[in-house]
Amino acid sequence: MTNAQKEFSQLMWLNHERLTRGQRCVVDYILRHFDDCAFHTSSQIGKQAGVSETTVIRLANTLNFAGFAEMQKFIRSGLVESRIDRVGRTQSEMRDARGILNEIAKIDSENIQHTLRHITAADLEEVADTILGATSICTVGMRSSAATVSYLTAALNQLFGNAISL
């Protein structure tokens, strides 16, 4: 848990008596999906938490933020902090090749676990149906993903013959 998550949790407990049941649902959702909420709209958060957009906005005010935008800025600061922690840890712990390999494997594992928690079988099936029904498949990759996208494009071309890399 990042410092921002801890601070957000403390804000929730300080104002616990003032929170409605719906606002508590929002807080629970935000704490469980802190990084994702940095980029979601109040409407998206409300939908995921099972409450209205207004409840999300009222929560921000109840927690003494000027509004949802300020609360989201606070959440984003936690995201930046966690990424800086990860990079800092990487630089200090990866002195040798084995350390680099271990850290990359750990980060990849975390990313796979995150993906598994957020993608349903129905989502995967919908993507597969979309790809199968496409007249052409376009892939895009820059910087560190360029090689992966090149491989993906080649594999899709072997299967379907209609993939291009942009």
Foldseek 3Di string as FASTA:
>chain_A
DFPLLVVLVVLCVVLVVVQDPLLVLLNVQCSVVLLVLLPDQLQVSQVVSVHHSVSSQVSCVSSPHPTNVRVSVSSVVRVVVVVVVLVVCLVVQPPDPVSNVVSVVVVVVVVVVVVVVPDDPVNVVVVVVCLVPDPAAEAEDDDPCVVVRVVVQVVVCVVPVHYDYD
